[in-house]
Amino acid sequence: MKPNMGTADRIIRILVAAVIAILYFTGTVSGTLGIVLLVLAGVFVATSVVSFCPLYAPFGMSTCPKK
């Protein structure tokens, strides 16, 4: 897997995941929607850690700076 995520993309995903987690654990978002958003937050964190987004690959997208 070749990295296809830049630093800004990774930071934005981590921040969105943190906001979703805060909303879930404070009880603002709950039920099925809360669980779906929490899973989405987990996916955001996982893709940020490995710097690879599987949805970018089929479209040939990359936010990673050119080397």
PDB file of N, CA and C in Angstrom:
ATOM      1  N   MET A   1       0.832  -1.175   0.000  1.00  0.00           N
ATOM      2  CA  MET A   1       0.000   0.000   0.000  1.00  0.00           C
ATOM      3  C   MET A   1       0.882   1.245   0.000  1.00  0.00           C
ATOM      4  N   LYS A   2       0.780   2.001  -1.054  1.00  0.00           N
ATOM      5  CA  LYS A   2       1.518   3.246  -1.177  1.00  0.00           C
ATOM      6  C   LYS A   2       0.712   4.357  -0.499  1.00  0.00           C
ATOM      7  N   PRO A   3       1.331   5.148   0.371  1.00  0.00           N
ATOM      8  CA  PRO A   3       0.589   6.217   1.048  1.00  0.00           C
ATOM      9  C   PRO A   3      -0.062   7.169   0.040  1.00  0.00           C
ATOM     10  N   ASN A   4      -1.319   7.523   0.289  1.00  0.00           N
ATOM     11  CA  ASN A   4      -2.008   8.454  -0.589  1.00  0.00           C
ATOM     12  C   ASN A   4      -2.722   9.567   0.193  1.00  0.00           C
ATOM     13  N   MET A   5      -2.309   9.766   1.440  1.00  0.00           N
ATOM     14  CA  MET A   5      -2.908  10.812   2.271  1.00  0.00           C
ATOM     15  C   MET A   5      -1.833  11.769   2.755  1.00  0.00           C
ATOM     16  N   GLY A   6      -2.080  13.051   2.577  1.00  0.00           N
ATOM     17  CA  GLY A   6      -1.163  14.074   3.054  1.00  0.00           C
ATOM     18  C   GLY A   6      -1.387  14.387   4.522  1.00  0.00           C
ATOM     19  N   THR A   7      -0.537  15.234   5.052  1.00  0.00           N
ATOM     20  CA  THR A   7      -0.598  15.581   6.469  1.00  0.00           C
ATOM     21  C   THR A   7      -1.899  16.298   6.818  1.00  0.00           C
ATOM     22  N   ALA A   8      -2.310  17.243   5.997  1.00  0.00           N
ATOM     23  CA  ALA A   8      -3.542  17.988   6.285  1.00  0.00           C
ATOM     24  C   ALA A   8      -4.752  17.057   6.309  1.00  0.00           C
ATOM     25  N   ASP A   9      -4.816  16.133   5.371  1.00  0.00           N
ATOM     26  CA  ASP A   9      -5.915  15.162   5.303  1.00  0.00           C
ATOM     27  C   ASP A   9      -5.940  14.305   6.571  1.00  0.00           C
ATOM     28  N   ARG A  10      -4.782  13.867   7.006  1.00  0.00           N
ATOM     29  CA  ARG A  10      -4.691  13.030   8.208  1.00  0.00           C
ATOM     30  C   ARG A  10      -5.135  13.794   9.450  1.00  0.00           C
ATOM     31  N   ILE A  11      -4.705  15.056   9.568  1.00  0.00           N
ATOM     32  CA  ILE A  11      -5.071  15.867  10.738  1.00  0.00           C
ATOM     33  C   ILE A  11      -6.572  16.124  10.768  1.00  0.00           C
ATOM     34  N   ILE A  12      -7.157  16.446   9.617  1.00  0.00           N
ATOM     35  CA  ILE A  12      -8.599  16.691   9.551  1.00  0.00           C
ATOM     36  C   ILE A  12      -9.375  15.450   9.965  1.00  0.00           C
ATOM     37  N   ARG A  13      -8.954  14.286   9.500  1.00  0.00           N
ATOM     38  CA  ARG A  13      -9.645  13.042   9.860  1.00  0.00           C
ATOM     39  C   ARG A  13      -9.554  12.758  11.363  1.00  0.00           C
ATOM     40  N   ILE A  14      -8.385  13.000  11.954  1.00  0.00           N
ATOM     41  CA  ILE A  14      -8.215  12.787  13.398  1.00  0.00           C
ATOM     42  C   ILE A  14      -9.114  13.748  14.181  1.00  0.00           C
ATOM     43  N   LEU A  15      -9.176  15.008  13.752  1.00  0.00           N
ATOM     44  CA  LEU A  15     -10.021  15.982  14.438  1.00  0.00           C
ATOM     45  C   LEU A  15     -11.504  15.624  14.334  1.00  0.00           C
ATOM     46  N   VAL A  16     -11.939  15.201  13.157  1.00  0.00           N
ATOM     47  CA  VAL A  16     -13.344  14.796  12.984  1.00  0.00           C
ATOM     48  C   VAL A  16     -13.646  13.576  13.860  1.00  0.00           C
ATOM     49  N   ALA A  17     -12.730  12.626  13.912  1.00  0.00           N
ATOM     50  CA  ALA A  17     -12.918  11.440  14.751  1.00  0.00           C
ATOM     51  C   ALA A  17     -13.004  11.833  16.228  1.00  0.00           C
ATOM     52  N   ALA A  18     -12.181  12.790  16.654  1.00  0.00           N
ATOM     53  CA  ALA A  18     -12.220  13.242  18.044  1.00  0.00           C
ATOM     54  C   ALA A  18     -13.553  13.913  18.368  1.00  0.00           C
ATOM     55  N   VAL A  19     -14.050  14.738  17.458  1.00  0.00           N
ATOM     56  CA  VAL A  19     -15.344  15.402  17.675  1.00  0.00           C
ATOM     57  C   VAL A  19     -16.460  14.368  17.770  1.00  0.00           C
ATOM     58  N   ILE A  20     -16.445  13.375  16.886  1.00  0.00           N
ATOM     59  CA  ILE A  20     -17.473  12.323  16.921  1.00  0.00           C
ATOM     60  C   ILE A  20     -17.398  11.558  18.243  1.00  0.00           C
ATOM     61  N   ALA A  21     -16.192  11.229  18.688  1.00  0.00           N
ATOM     62  CA  ALA A  21     -16.028  10.501  19.946  1.00  0.00           C
ATOM     63  C   ALA A  21     -16.546  11.330  21.125  1.00  0.00           C
ATOM     64  N   ILE A  22     -16.234  12.609  21.133  1.00  0.00           N
ATOM     65  CA  ILE A  22     -16.712  13.477  22.214  1.00  0.00           C
ATOM     66  C   ILE A  22     -18.239  13.538  22.222  1.00  0.00           C
ATOM     67  N   LEU A  23     -18.823  13.699  21.029  1.00  0.00           N
ATOM     68  CA  LEU A  23     -20.291  13.750  20.943  1.00  0.00           C
ATOM     69  C   LEU A  23     -20.924  12.442  21.420  1.00  0.00           C
ATOM     70  N   TYR A  24     -20.293  11.323  21.081  1.00  0.00           N
ATOM     71  CA  TYR A  24     -20.847  10.021  21.487  1.00  0.00           C
ATOM     72  C   TYR A  24     -20.731   9.824  22.992  1.00  0.00           C
ATOM     73  N   PHE A  25     -19.548  10.082  23.552  1.00  0.00           N
ATOM     74  CA  PHE A  25     -19.328   9.787  24.963  1.00  0.00           C
ATOM     75  C   PHE A  25     -19.970  10.796  25.906  1.00  0.00           C
ATOM     76  N   THR A  26     -20.364  11.959  25.393  1.00  0.00           N
ATOM     77  CA  THR A  26     -21.116  12.903  26.226  1.00  0.00           C
ATOM     78  C   THR A  26     -22.611  12.662  26.122  1.00  0.00           C
ATOM     79  N   GLY A  27     -23.025  11.768  25.241  1.00  0.00           N
ATOM     80  CA  GLY A  27     -24.427  11.424  25.115  1.00  0.00           C
ATOM     81  C   GLY A  27     -25.202  12.308  24.147  1.00  0.00           C
ATOM     82  N   THR A  28     -24.521  13.200  23.451  1.00  0.00           N
ATOM     83  CA  THR A  28     -25.189  14.070  22.488  1.00  0.00           C
ATOM     84  C   THR A  28     -25.717  13.259  21.308  1.00  0.00           C
ATOM     85  N   VAL A  29     -24.918  12.305  20.860  1.00  0.00           N
ATOM     86  CA  VAL A  29     -25.320  11.406  19.773  1.00  0.00           C
ATOM     87  C   VAL A  29     -25.386  10.006  20.376  1.00  0.00           C
ATOM     88  N   SER A  30     -26.511   9.330  20.189  1.00  0.00           N
ATOM     89  CA  SER A  30     -26.642   7.998  20.778  1.00  0.00           C
ATOM     90  C   SER A  30     -27.438   7.096  19.851  1.00  0.00           C
ATOM     91  N   GLY A  31     -27.623   5.886  20.289  1.00  0.00           N
ATOM     92  CA  GLY A  31     -28.397   4.923  19.510  1.00  0.00           C
ATOM     93  C   GLY A  31     -27.627   4.427  18.290  1.00  0.00           C
ATOM     94  N   THR A  32     -28.381   4.038  17.278  1.00  0.00           N
ATOM     95  CA  THR A  32     -27.787   3.481  16.061  1.00  0.00           C
ATOM     96  C   THR A  32     -26.904   4.507  15.365  1.00  0.00           C
ATOM     97  N   LEU A  33     -27.356   5.745  15.284  1.00  0.00           N
ATOM     98  CA  LEU A  33     -26.556   6.791  14.650  1.00  0.00           C
ATOM     99  C   LEU A  33     -25.230   6.974  15.376  1.00  0.00           C
ATOM    100  N   GLY A  34     -25.252   6.929  16.682  1.00  0.00           N
ATOM    101  CA  GLY A  34     -24.030   7.072  17.465  1.00  0.00           C
ATOM    102  C   GLY A  34     -23.042   5.961  17.187  1.00  0.00           C
ATOM    103  N   ILE A  35     -23.528   4.743  17.097  1.00  0.00           N
ATOM    104  CA  ILE A  35     -22.650   3.607  16.831  1.00  0.00           C
ATOM    105  C   ILE A  35     -22.078   3.683  15.422  1.00  0.00           C
ATOM    106  N   VAL A  36     -22.912   4.060  14.450  1.00  0.00           N
ATOM    107  CA  VAL A  36     -22.430   4.193  13.070  1.00  0.00           C
ATOM    108  C   VAL A  36     -21.356   5.279  12.996  1.00  0.00           C
ATOM    109  N   LEU A  37     -21.585   6.413  13.656  1.00  0.00           N
ATOM    110  CA  LEU A  37     -20.586   7.482  13.657  1.00  0.00           C
ATOM    111  C   LEU A  37     -19.307   7.072  14.385  1.00  0.00           C
ATOM    112  N   LEU A  38     -19.447   6.289  15.436  1.00  0.00           N
ATOM    113  CA  LEU A  38     -18.264   5.826  16.160  1.00  0.00           C
ATOM    114  C   LEU A  38     -17.437   4.873  15.296  1.00  0.00           C
ATOM    115  N   VAL A  39     -18.094   4.014  14.540  1.00  0.00           N
ATOM    116  CA  VAL A  39     -17.371   3.132  13.613  1.00  0.00           C
ATOM    117  C   VAL A  39     -16.679   3.968  12.534  1.00  0.00           C
ATOM    118  N   LEU A  40     -17.365   4.975  12.014  1.00  0.00           N
ATOM    119  CA  LEU A  40     -16.771   5.868  11.024  1.00  0.00           C
ATOM    120  C   LEU A  40     -15.546   6.579  11.598  1.00  0.00           C
ATOM    121  N   ALA A  41     -15.626   6.997  12.849  1.00  0.00           N
ATOM    122  CA  ALA A  41     -14.489   7.636  13.507  1.00  0.00           C
ATOM    123  C   ALA A  41     -13.318   6.665  13.616  1.00  0.00           C
ATOM    124  N   GLY A  42     -13.611   5.402  13.911  1.00  0.00           N
ATOM    125  CA  GLY A  42     -12.553   4.392  13.970  1.00  0.00           C
ATOM    126  C   GLY A  42     -11.884   4.195  12.624  1.00  0.00           C
ATOM    127  N   VAL A  43     -12.676   4.215  11.556  1.00  0.00           N
ATOM    128  CA  VAL A  43     -12.119   4.090  10.207  1.00  0.00           C
ATOM    129  C   VAL A  43     -11.240   5.301   9.892  1.00  0.00           C
ATOM    130  N   PHE A  44     -11.689   6.495  10.283  1.00  0.00           N
ATOM    131  CA  PHE A  44     -10.894   7.701  10.061  1.00  0.00           C
ATOM    132  C   PHE A  44      -9.550   7.608  10.774  1.00  0.00           C
ATOM    133  N   VAL A  45      -9.548   7.144  12.008  1.00  0.00           N
ATOM    134  CA  VAL A  45      -8.301   7.020  12.760  1.00  0.00           C
ATOM    135  C   VAL A  45      -7.393   5.969  12.112  1.00  0.00           C
ATOM    136  N   ALA A  46      -7.957   4.828  11.741  1.00  0.00           N
ATOM    137  CA  ALA A  46      -7.151   3.759  11.134  1.00  0.00           C
ATOM    138  C   ALA A  46      -6.522   4.210   9.818  1.00  0.00           C
ATOM    139  N   THR A  47      -7.290   4.882   8.971  1.00  0.00           N
ATOM    140  CA  THR A  47      -6.730   5.332   7.694  1.00  0.00           C
ATOM    141  C   THR A  47      -5.703   6.433   7.908  1.00  0.00           C
ATOM    142  N   SER A  48      -5.872   7.235   8.943  1.00  0.00           N
ATOM    143  CA  SER A  48      -4.890   8.273   9.236  1.00  0.00           C
ATOM    144  C   SER A  48      -3.572   7.678   9.724  1.00  0.00           C
ATOM    145  N   VAL A  49      -3.661   6.627  10.514  1.00  0.00           N
ATOM    146  CA  VAL A  49      -2.444   5.999  11.043  1.00  0.00           C
ATOM    147  C   VAL A  49      -1.621   5.351   9.931  1.00  0.00           C
ATOM    148  N   VAL A  50      -2.279   4.694   8.989  1.00  0.00           N
ATOM    149  CA  VAL A  50      -1.548   4.002   7.922  1.00  0.00           C
ATOM    150  C   VAL A  50      -1.326   4.886   6.690  1.00  0.00           C
ATOM    151  N   SER A  51      -1.862   6.100   6.694  1.00  0.00           N
ATOM    152  CA  SER A  51      -1.721   7.065   5.581  1.00  0.00           C
ATOM    153  C   SER A  51      -2.225   6.524   4.251  1.00  0.00           C
ATOM    154  N   PHE A  52      -3.205   5.667   4.294  1.00  0.00           N
ATOM    155  CA  PHE A  52      -3.758   5.090   3.070  1.00  0.00           C
ATOM    156  C   PHE A  52      -5.269   5.054   3.168  1.00  0.00           C
ATOM    157  N   CYS A  53      -5.939   5.626   2.175  1.00  0.00           N
ATOM    158  CA  CYS A  53      -7.392   5.590   2.103  1.00  0.00           C
ATOM    159  C   CYS A  53      -7.790   4.703   0.928  1.00  0.00           C
ATOM    160  N   PRO A  54      -8.452   3.579   1.185  1.00  0.00           N
ATOM    161  CA  PRO A  54      -8.822   2.675   0.102  1.00  0.00           C
ATOM    162  C   PRO A  54      -9.798   3.297  -0.902  1.00  0.00           C
ATOM    163  N   LEU A  55     -10.550   4.309  -0.509  1.00  0.00           N
ATOM    164  CA  LEU A  55     -11.476   4.954  -1.442  1.00  0.00           C
ATOM    165  C   LEU A  55     -10.750   5.874  -2.425  1.00  0.00           C
ATOM    166  N   TYR A  56      -9.557   6.319  -2.093  1.00  0.00           N
ATOM    167  CA  TYR A  56      -8.789   7.161  -3.006  1.00  0.00           C
ATOM    168  C   TYR A  56      -8.199   6.336  -4.152  1.00  0.00           C
ATOM    169  N   ALA A  57      -7.835   5.091  -3.889  1.00  0.00           N
ATOM    170  CA  ALA A  57      -7.125   4.258  -4.869  1.00  0.00           C
ATOM    171  C   ALA A  57      -7.889   4.055  -6.189  1.00  0.00           C
ATOM    172  N   PRO A  58      -9.164   3.655  -6.183  1.00  0.00           N
ATOM    173  CA  PRO A  58      -9.849   3.435  -7.459  1.00  0.00           C
ATOM    174  C   PRO A  58      -9.981   4.687  -8.318  1.00  0.00           C
ATOM    175  N   PHE A  59     -10.009   5.843  -7.675  1.00  0.00           N
ATOM    176  CA  PHE A  59     -10.159   7.093  -8.399  1.00  0.00           C
ATOM    177  C   PHE A  59      -8.818   7.751  -8.735  1.00  0.00           C
ATOM    178  N   GLY A  60      -7.731   7.148  -8.284  1.00  0.00           N
ATOM    179  CA  GLY A  60      -6.403   7.679  -8.565  1.00  0.00           C
ATOM    180  C   GLY A  60      -6.118   8.975  -7.809  1.00  0.00           C
ATOM    181  N   MET A  61      -6.826   9.197  -6.713  1.00  0.00           N
ATOM    182  CA  MET A  61      -6.635  10.420  -5.929  1.00  0.00           C
ATOM    183  C   MET A  61      -5.478  10.259  -4.962  1.00  0.00           C
ATOM    184  N   SER A  62      -4.847  11.383  -4.647  1.00  0.00           N
ATOM    185  CA  SER A  62      -3.789  11.394  -3.654  1.00  0.00           C
ATOM    186  C   SER A  62      -3.651  12.808  -3.116  1.00  0.00           C
ATOM    187  N   THR A  63      -3.646  12.945  -1.791  1.00  0.00           N
ATOM    188  CA  THR A  63      -3.398  14.235  -1.183  1.00  0.00           C
ATOM    189  C   THR A  63      -1.980  14.291  -0.654  1.00  0.00           C
ATOM    190  N   CYS A  64      -1.229  13.257  -0.915  1.00  0.00           N
ATOM    191  CA  CYS A  64       0.162  13.175  -0.507  1.00  0.00           C
ATOM    192  C   CYS A  64       1.002  14.045  -1.447  1.00  0.00           C
ATOM    193  N   PRO A  65       1.925  14.838  -0.890  1.00  0.00           N
ATOM    194  CA  PRO A  65       2.743  15.672  -1.767  1.00  0.00           C
ATOM    195  C   PRO A  65       3.618  14.834  -2.696  1.00  0.00           C
ATOM    196  N   LYS A  66       3.841  15.347  -3.877  1.00  0.00           N
ATOM    197  CA  LYS A  66       4.665  14.635  -4.867  1.00  0.00           C
ATOM    198  C   LYS A  66       6.099  14.574  -4.393  1.00  0.00           C
ATOM    199  N   LYS A  67       6.740  13.436  -4.652  1.00  0.00           N
ATOM    200  CA  LYS A  67       8.150  13.273  -4.276  1.00  0.00           C
ATOM    201  C   LYS A  67       9.022  13.372  -5.493  1.00  0.00           C
TER     202      LYS A  67
END
